[in-house]
Amino acid sequence: MKNIKYVILFLVISITSAQTEAKLPFYQLPENAEIYTAGTVAAKQVEALGFRFYHATDNLTQKDLAFKPNAEVRTTGETIQHIYDLSLIIVNATLVKSNSKDKQALTYLELRKETLLNLEKASVLLRASKDISTFKIIFGATKMPFWNNINGPIADAIWHCGQIASYRRISGNPINSKVNHFTGTVKE
């Protein structure tokens, strides 16, 4: 009887986890905004990052997460942690919230989910904004303009998504060939 309870609990957790995974943002790019504003353009940059991150990190194995081409670089798992940290800077700027140096110990799936949710929140706030100059990157008393988000965390995270894509190809688990980065869609 006890074993049946554990089996049922495992099934419920597995089903819930699968449903949560299916609902993560950026499987495909959101619809384009009807008008071009600073906010909609910045949001599209964040959405493109989210799309690339979603597919670069989808269905990674333990072998993929541990892969690194040499001793001098981060593993794929460490790179995902770094992108998560960058996503916090991006979303905190849109919340006009100071960044913390505190690190959370999260699993690969938690890092992936939280990164995508951070990017989604930032995208929504950017799309709705009339003036993105109010969004600042804040480290203690230092406040930097949103420009630094574009050439800093956003560009850096996109760079690292390409790195993850290359690493997973080398470790034998390439990105889904149905992903079209140009259109932001996945062929069914």
Protein backbone atom coordinates (compact mmCIF):
# COMPACT_ATOMS: atom_id res chain seq x y z
CA MET A 1 0.00 0.00 0.00
CA LYS A 2 2.84 2.36 0.87
CA ASN A 3 4.50 1.71 -2.50
CA ILE A 4 1.29 2.55 -4.34
CA LYS A 5 1.16 5.93 -2.56
CA TYR A 6 4.74 6.64 -3.67
CA VAL A 7 3.97 5.61 -7.25
CA ILE A 8 0.92 7.87 -7.31
CA LEU A 9 2.90 10.75 -5.77
CA PHE A 10 5.66 10.23 -8.36
CA LEU A 11 3.11 10.25 -11.21
CA VAL A 12 1.44 13.44 -9.93
CA ILE A 13 4.81 15.18 -9.61
CA SER A 14 5.87 13.97 -13.08
CA ILE A 15 2.64 15.14 -14.71
CA THR A 16 2.79 18.50 -12.92
CA SER A 17 6.43 18.93 -13.91
CA ALA A 18 5.66 18.09 -17.56
CA GLN A 19 2.77 20.55 -17.61
CA THR A 20 4.92 23.27 -16.05
CA GLU A 21 7.69 22.61 -18.60
CA ALA A 22 5.19 22.85 -21.47
CA LYS A 23 4.02 26.26 -20.24
CA LEU A 24 7.42 27.91 -20.10
CA PRO A 25 7.62 31.09 -22.18
CA PHE A 26 9.55 31.53 -25.42
CA TYR A 27 9.00 28.16 -27.09
CA GLN A 28 8.09 30.47 -29.96
CA LEU A 29 8.48 34.23 -30.12
CA PRO A 30 5.46 36.28 -29.04
CA GLU A 31 3.57 38.23 -31.66
CA ASN A 32 5.32 41.38 -32.83
CA ALA A 33 4.16 44.68 -31.43
CA GLU A 34 2.07 46.76 -33.83
CA ILE A 35 4.21 49.85 -33.32
CA TYR A 36 7.91 50.44 -32.91
CA THR A 37 8.86 52.17 -29.69
CA ALA A 38 11.99 52.00 -27.59
CA GLY A 39 10.10 49.66 -25.26
CA THR A 40 8.83 47.29 -27.95
CA VAL A 41 12.26 47.08 -29.60
CA ALA A 42 13.99 46.40 -26.26
CA ALA A 43 11.28 43.83 -25.44
CA LYS A 44 11.94 42.07 -28.77
CA GLN A 45 15.65 41.85 -27.89
CA VAL A 46 14.77 40.22 -24.58
CA GLU A 47 12.26 37.90 -26.29
CA ALA A 48 14.90 36.86 -28.86
CA LEU A 49 17.20 36.05 -25.96
CA GLY A 50 14.41 34.07 -24.30
CA PHE A 51 13.74 32.11 -27.50
CA ARG A 52 17.42 31.28 -27.97
CA PHE A 53 17.84 30.35 -24.30
CA TYR A 54 14.72 28.17 -24.35
CA HIS A 55 16.01 26.07 -27.25
CA ALA A 56 19.71 26.10 -26.31
CA THR A 57 18.81 24.68 -22.88
CA ASP A 58 15.93 22.38 -23.86
CA ASN A 59 16.37 18.69 -22.92
CA LEU A 60 19.96 18.86 -21.77
CA THR A 61 21.45 15.72 -20.29
CA GLN A 62 23.86 15.45 -17.36
CA LYS A 63 26.59 14.85 -19.95
CA ASP A 64 25.64 18.14 -21.66
CA LEU A 65 25.55 20.06 -18.36
CA ALA A 66 29.02 18.82 -17.38
CA PHE A 67 30.58 19.47 -20.81
CA LYS A 68 33.34 22.01 -21.28
CA PRO A 69 35.89 22.00 -24.09
CA ASN A 70 38.85 22.59 -21.75
CA ALA A 71 39.73 23.29 -18.13
CA GLU A 72 39.80 27.08 -18.63
CA VAL A 73 36.09 27.60 -19.35
CA ARG A 74 32.73 27.14 -17.64
CA THR A 75 30.69 23.98 -18.05
CA THR A 76 27.34 24.24 -19.79
CA GLY A 77 25.68 24.06 -16.36
CA GLU A 78 27.83 26.92 -15.06
CA THR A 79 27.02 28.93 -18.18
CA ILE A 80 23.29 28.44 -17.53
CA GLN A 81 23.86 29.75 -13.98
CA HIS A 82 25.64 32.78 -15.47
CA ILE A 83 22.75 33.47 -17.87
CA TYR A 84 20.34 33.21 -14.93
CA ASP A 85 22.43 35.82 -13.08
CA LEU A 86 22.29 38.05 -16.19
CA SER A 87 18.51 37.58 -16.39
CA LEU A 88 18.25 38.91 -12.83
CA ILE A 89 20.10 42.08 -13.86
CA ILE A 90 17.80 42.47 -16.88
CA VAL A 91 14.57 42.01 -14.93
CA ASN A 92 15.77 44.04 -11.95
CA ALA A 93 16.42 46.98 -14.27
CA THR A 94 12.81 46.87 -15.45
CA LEU A 95 11.67 46.68 -11.81
CA VAL A 96 14.13 49.47 -10.88
CA LYS A 97 15.42 47.13 -8.19
CA SER A 98 18.94 46.88 -6.83
CA ASN A 99 20.94 43.78 -7.73
CA SER A 100 22.14 41.50 -4.97
CA LYS A 101 25.29 39.42 -4.86
CA ASP A 102 23.43 36.65 -3.06
CA LYS A 103 23.34 33.43 -5.07
CA GLN A 104 20.61 30.82 -4.91
CA ALA A 105 21.45 27.15 -5.30
CA LEU A 106 19.07 26.03 -8.05
CA THR A 107 18.90 22.89 -10.17
CA TYR A 108 19.25 23.02 -13.95
CA LEU A 109 15.46 22.89 -14.41
CA GLU A 110 14.91 25.59 -11.79
CA LEU A 111 17.57 27.83 -13.35
CA ARG A 112 16.03 27.33 -16.78
CA LYS A 113 12.51 28.08 -15.60
CA GLU A 114 13.45 31.12 -13.50
CA THR A 115 15.60 32.55 -16.30
CA LEU A 116 12.72 32.27 -18.77
CA LEU A 117 10.26 33.78 -16.28
CA ASN A 118 12.65 36.67 -15.54
CA LEU A 119 12.97 37.38 -19.25
CA GLU A 120 9.22 37.18 -19.75
CA LYS A 121 8.59 39.64 -16.91
CA ALA A 122 11.19 42.06 -18.31
CA SER A 123 9.70 41.77 -21.79
CA VAL A 124 6.18 42.54 -20.57
CA LEU A 125 7.36 45.58 -18.62
CA LEU A 126 9.43 46.85 -21.56
CA ARG A 127 6.55 46.44 -24.04
CA ALA A 128 4.24 48.43 -21.76
CA SER A 129 6.75 51.19 -21.07
CA LYS A 130 6.41 54.67 -22.52
CA ASP A 131 9.94 55.62 -21.42
CA ILE A 132 12.58 52.94 -20.89
CA SER A 133 15.07 55.55 -19.69
CA THR A 134 13.47 55.10 -16.26
CA PHE A 135 14.82 51.53 -16.13
CA LYS A 136 18.23 51.50 -14.47
CA ILE A 137 20.77 48.82 -13.65
CA ILE A 138 21.41 49.34 -9.96
CA PHE A 139 24.37 48.00 -8.00
CA GLY A 140 24.30 49.58 -4.54
CA ALA A 141 24.58 53.35 -5.01
CA THR A 142 25.58 53.00 -8.68
CA LYS A 143 22.83 53.47 -11.27
CA MET A 144 23.49 52.82 -14.95
CA PRO A 145 21.20 53.65 -17.89
CA PHE A 146 19.23 51.01 -19.77
CA TRP A 147 21.78 51.29 -22.61
CA ASN A 148 24.13 49.21 -20.47
CA ASN A 149 21.52 46.44 -20.36
CA ILE A 150 21.60 46.19 -24.16
CA ASN A 151 25.36 45.98 -24.62
CA GLY A 152 25.88 44.24 -21.26
CA PRO A 153 23.59 41.50 -19.90
CA ILE A 154 21.34 41.08 -22.96
CA ALA A 155 24.17 40.81 -25.50
CA ASP A 156 26.28 38.72 -23.12
CA ALA A 157 23.44 36.25 -22.50
CA ILE A 158 22.77 35.90 -26.25
CA TRP A 159 26.48 35.21 -26.73
CA HIS A 160 26.35 32.49 -24.08
CA CYS A 161 23.25 30.89 -25.65
CA GLY A 162 25.33 30.37 -28.79
CA GLN A 163 28.06 28.89 -26.62
CA ILE A 164 25.58 26.41 -25.08
CA ALA A 165 24.30 25.51 -28.56
CA SER A 166 27.86 24.77 -29.69
CA TYR A 167 28.72 22.80 -26.56
CA ARG A 168 25.63 20.62 -26.80
CA ARG A 169 26.37 19.90 -30.48
CA ILE A 170 29.89 18.81 -29.49
CA SER A 171 28.55 16.62 -26.68
CA GLY A 172 26.21 14.88 -29.14
CA ASN A 173 22.86 16.54 -28.37
CA PRO A 174 22.25 19.30 -30.97
CA ILE A 175 19.37 21.78 -30.81
CA ASN A 176 16.10 20.68 -32.38
CA SER A 177 16.56 21.13 -36.15
CA LYS A 178 12.97 22.41 -36.45
CA VAL A 179 13.83 25.63 -34.59
CA ASN A 180 13.93 28.64 -36.92
CA HIS A 181 15.82 31.48 -35.23
CA PHE A 182 15.03 33.89 -38.06
CA THR A 183 11.24 33.64 -37.66
CA GLY A 184 11.22 32.66 -33.99
CA THR A 185 9.12 29.59 -34.67
CA VAL A 186 9.36 25.81 -34.44
CA LYS A 187 8.19 23.71 -37.37
CA GLU A 188 5.61 21.17 -36.28
